[in-house]
Protein backbone atom coordinates (compact mmCIF):
# COMPACT_ATOMS: atom_id res chain seq x y z
CA MET A 1 -65.57 32.59 26.33
CA ALA A 2 -63.00 30.22 24.77
CA GLU A 3 -59.41 30.37 25.98
CA TRP A 4 -56.71 31.30 23.76
CA TRP A 5 -54.18 28.64 22.79
CA SER A 6 -51.35 30.76 24.12
CA THR A 7 -52.82 31.04 27.63
CA ARG A 8 -53.35 27.38 28.40
CA TRP A 9 -51.00 25.92 30.99
CA TYR A 10 -49.56 23.08 28.77
CA THR A 11 -48.63 25.39 25.76
CA PRO A 12 -44.95 25.90 26.82
CA LEU A 13 -44.55 22.19 27.43
CA VAL A 14 -45.78 21.36 23.98
CA THR A 15 -43.71 24.02 22.52
CA LEU A 16 -40.66 22.85 24.36
CA GLY A 17 -41.34 19.15 23.28
CA ALA A 18 -41.75 20.13 19.61
CA LEU A 19 -38.48 22.14 19.78
CA LEU A 20 -36.59 19.20 21.35
CA LEU A 21 -38.04 16.81 18.75
CA GLY A 22 -36.87 19.09 15.97
CA LEU A 23 -33.45 19.35 17.47
CA LEU A 24 -33.11 15.66 17.73
CA VAL A 25 -34.12 15.05 14.09
CA ALA A 26 -31.61 17.74 12.97
CA GLY A 27 -28.89 16.14 15.09
CA ILE A 28 -29.52 12.74 13.71
CA ALA A 29 -29.46 14.22 10.16
CA VAL A 30 -26.12 15.86 10.75
CA MET A 31 -24.68 12.62 12.34
CA GLU A 32 -25.94 10.69 9.34
CA MET A 33 -24.19 12.99 6.97
CA PHE A 34 -20.96 12.89 8.74
CA ALA A 35 -21.20 9.11 9.11
CA SER A 36 -21.70 8.72 5.32
CA GLU A 37 -18.43 10.58 4.57
CA VAL A 38 -16.31 8.36 6.82
CA PRO A 39 -14.76 5.43 4.99
CA SER A 40 -16.31 2.10 5.91
CA ALA A 41 -14.44 0.14 8.59
CA ASP A 42 -16.47 -2.99 8.07
CA ALA A 43 -14.78 -4.19 4.85
CA PRO A 44 -11.51 -2.50 4.17
CA ASP A 45 -10.95 -4.80 1.19
CA GLY A 46 -14.51 -4.37 -0.05
CA TRP A 47 -13.17 -4.06 -3.61
CA ALA A 48 -11.74 -7.63 -3.69
CA ALA A 49 -15.06 -9.47 -4.30
CA PRO A 50 -16.10 -7.14 -7.19
CA LEU A 51 -12.55 -7.36 -8.67
CA ASP A 52 -12.85 -11.15 -8.55
CA ARG A 53 -16.14 -10.91 -10.35
CA SER A 54 -14.58 -8.51 -12.84
CA ASP A 55 -11.78 -11.07 -13.70
CA ALA A 56 -14.20 -13.96 -13.94
CA ALA A 57 -16.42 -12.12 -16.42
CA LEU A 58 -13.35 -11.09 -18.40
CA SER A 59 -12.25 -14.68 -18.42
CA GLY A 60 -15.62 -15.73 -19.71
CA GLY A 61 -15.47 -13.06 -22.50
CA ASP A 62 -18.13 -10.70 -21.08
CA ALA A 63 -16.41 -7.37 -21.16
CA ALA A 64 -19.56 -5.39 -20.17
CA ALA A 65 -20.05 -7.41 -16.93
CA ALA A 66 -16.31 -7.17 -16.25
CA LEU A 67 -16.63 -3.32 -16.51
CA ARG A 68 -19.78 -3.12 -14.37
CA ALA A 69 -17.90 -5.19 -11.65
CA TRP A 70 -14.74 -3.13 -12.02
CA ARG A 71 -16.80 0.13 -11.43
CA GLU A 72 -18.17 -1.34 -8.45
CA ALA A 73 -14.75 -2.23 -7.09
CA ASN A 74 -13.62 1.18 -7.96
CA ALA A 75 -16.37 2.77 -5.83
CA ALA A 76 -15.53 0.50 -2.84
CA ALA A 77 -11.77 1.27 -3.24
CA ILE A 78 -12.50 5.05 -3.16
CA ARG A 79 -14.71 4.65 -0.10
CA SER A 80 -12.15 2.67 1.70
CA GLY A 81 -9.68 5.46 1.83
CA GLN A 82 -6.72 3.05 1.44
CA TRP A 83 -4.05 3.09 -1.26
CA GLU A 84 -4.04 -0.69 -1.54
CA GLY A 85 -7.44 -0.77 -3.00
CA MET A 86 -6.65 2.01 -5.67
CA ILE A 87 -3.62 -0.13 -6.63
CA ALA A 88 -5.72 -3.23 -7.01
CA VAL A 89 -8.37 -1.34 -9.09
CA GLY A 90 -5.63 0.27 -11.34
CA ASP A 91 -4.19 -3.18 -11.87
CA ALA A 92 -7.68 -4.49 -12.88
CA ALA A 93 -8.34 -1.60 -15.19
CA ARG A 94 -5.10 -2.59 -17.09
CA ARG A 95 -6.21 -6.22 -17.25
CA LEU A 96 -9.61 -4.99 -18.54
CA GLY A 97 -7.90 -3.00 -21.23
CA ALA A 98 -5.54 -5.67 -22.27
CA ARG A 99 -8.34 -8.35 -22.53
CA GLY A 100 -11.55 -6.38 -22.81
CA GLY A 101 -10.63 -4.42 -25.93
CA VAL A 102 -10.74 -0.82 -24.66
CA PRO A 103 -7.09 -0.05 -23.78
CA ARG A 104 -7.01 3.66 -24.02
CA ASP A 105 -9.90 4.20 -21.48
CA SER A 106 -8.53 1.49 -19.25
CA LEU A 107 -5.21 3.14 -19.15
CA VAL A 108 -6.77 6.54 -18.14
CA ARG A 109 -8.71 4.58 -15.48
CA ALA A 110 -5.61 2.90 -14.21
CA ARG A 111 -3.59 6.05 -14.18
CA GLN A 112 -6.27 7.75 -12.15
CA ALA A 113 -6.35 4.91 -9.69
CA TYR A 114 -2.63 5.01 -9.28
CA LEU A 115 -2.56 8.65 -8.72
CA THR A 116 -5.07 8.35 -6.02
CA ALA A 117 -3.03 5.48 -4.43
CA LEU A 118 0.11 7.66 -4.48
CA TYR A 119 -1.66 10.69 -2.89
CA ARG A 120 -3.07 8.23 -0.22
CA ALA A 121 0.23 6.55 0.44
CA ARG A 122 1.86 10.02 0.74
CA ARG A 123 -0.93 11.13 3.31
CA GLU A 124 -0.40 7.75 5.20
CA HIS A 125 3.29 8.19 5.16
CA SER A 126 3.58 4.73 3.51
CA VAL A 127 6.82 3.87 1.75
CA GLU A 128 5.29 0.66 0.49
CA GLY A 129 2.38 2.45 -0.95
CA ALA A 130 4.55 5.08 -2.61
CA LEU A 131 6.79 2.34 -4.16
CA ARG A 132 3.87 0.16 -5.37
CA ALA A 133 2.45 3.32 -7.17
CA ALA A 134 5.90 4.00 -8.60
CA ALA A 135 6.20 0.48 -9.87
CA ALA A 136 2.66 0.86 -11.43
CA PHE A 137 3.69 4.08 -13.19
CA GLY A 138 6.83 2.31 -14.35
CA GLU A 139 4.76 -0.39 -15.99
CA LEU A 140 2.64 2.32 -17.60
CA GLY A 141 5.85 3.94 -19.06
CA ASP A 142 5.15 7.24 -17.20
CA ARG A 143 8.72 8.01 -15.96
CA ASP A 144 7.96 11.55 -14.86
CA VAL A 145 5.33 10.35 -12.27
CA LEU A 146 7.51 7.38 -11.53
CA ALA A 147 10.31 9.64 -10.65
CA GLN A 148 7.97 11.79 -8.40
CA ALA A 149 6.67 8.61 -6.74
CA LEU A 150 10.16 7.50 -5.87
CA ARG A 151 10.86 10.89 -4.46
CA ILE A 152 7.88 10.61 -2.30
CA ALA A 153 8.94 7.14 -1.12
CA GLU A 154 12.44 8.55 -0.36
CA GLN A 155 10.88 11.37 1.73
CA GLN A 156 8.75 8.80 3.54
CA ALA A 157 11.69 6.54 4.21
CA GLY A 158 13.39 9.18 6.34
CA PRO A 159 16.49 8.15 7.94
CA ASP A 160 15.35 4.41 8.33
CA PRO A 161 18.21 2.47 6.61
CA VAL A 162 15.98 -0.53 5.85
CA LYS A 163 13.25 1.61 4.17
CA ARG A 164 15.98 3.57 2.40
CA ALA A 165 17.59 0.38 0.98
CA ARG A 166 14.22 -0.68 -0.37
CA VAL A 167 13.65 2.65 -2.04
CA ARG A 168 17.04 2.38 -3.55
CA SER A 169 16.49 -1.08 -4.81
CA VAL A 170 13.16 -0.09 -6.45
CA THR A 171 14.68 3.12 -7.90
CA GLU A 172 17.58 1.15 -9.39
CA ARG A 173 15.13 -1.25 -11.00
CA TRP A 174 12.90 1.33 -12.66
CA MET A 175 15.20 4.19 -13.22
CA GLY A 176 18.49 2.47 -13.68
CA LEU A 177 20.23 5.09 -11.56
CA PRO A 178 19.32 6.58 -8.20
CA VAL A 179 16.67 9.43 -8.44
CA GLU A 180 18.53 12.70 -7.69
CA ASN A 181 16.52 15.79 -6.33
CA ASP A 182 16.64 18.07 -9.27
CA HIS A 183 15.30 21.38 -7.70
CA ARG A 184 12.17 21.46 -9.71
CA ASP A 185 8.80 22.52 -8.53
CA SER A 186 6.65 19.36 -8.17
CA PRO A 187 2.94 19.34 -8.18
CA LEU A 188 2.82 15.91 -6.28
CA THR A 189 5.21 16.84 -3.56
CA GLY A 190 3.86 20.19 -2.79
CA GLY A 191 6.50 22.49 -4.37
CA HIS A 192 10.22 23.22 -4.48
CA GLN A 193 12.44 20.15 -3.68
CA PRO A 194 15.83 20.81 -2.02
């Protein structure tokens, strides 16, 4: 008479081994998922080389290649999680629009990149990042977002007199007068401003 599989002495060991193997595979899959969401620490300025290629292609008159390289730089800047990359990508989008012949689309791309940079600078409590985003919006002629960015920079500066002087300097350059808090609800700064 043949023995049933479940009554053999090694059945629990095989079952346990298969269960451990399954858990190991599931654990590795979860770790890979989380690792793919973490910004790359290898090349924090991974957007620089594609931007150089974009500028070179633009100088050579190849707008299609310039746009492809810009898209690669944009993806790298988004993955980096840094405001610096988004400012660089926004600036490149404006250059692409000015010389590549698609100004409207390029301004939309630049504006989106600058907004992302502003949010990242705010998250990182970076006065310099908020001021760079403010200047970018000033160059775009968007005074509303410029004013919001300057308010964010002012908040980030806190009581530090050196940072506050830098914010005042940039504010006077772009606004002509210091930006006053005006008790409006602001979608960028999270609500009512005192």
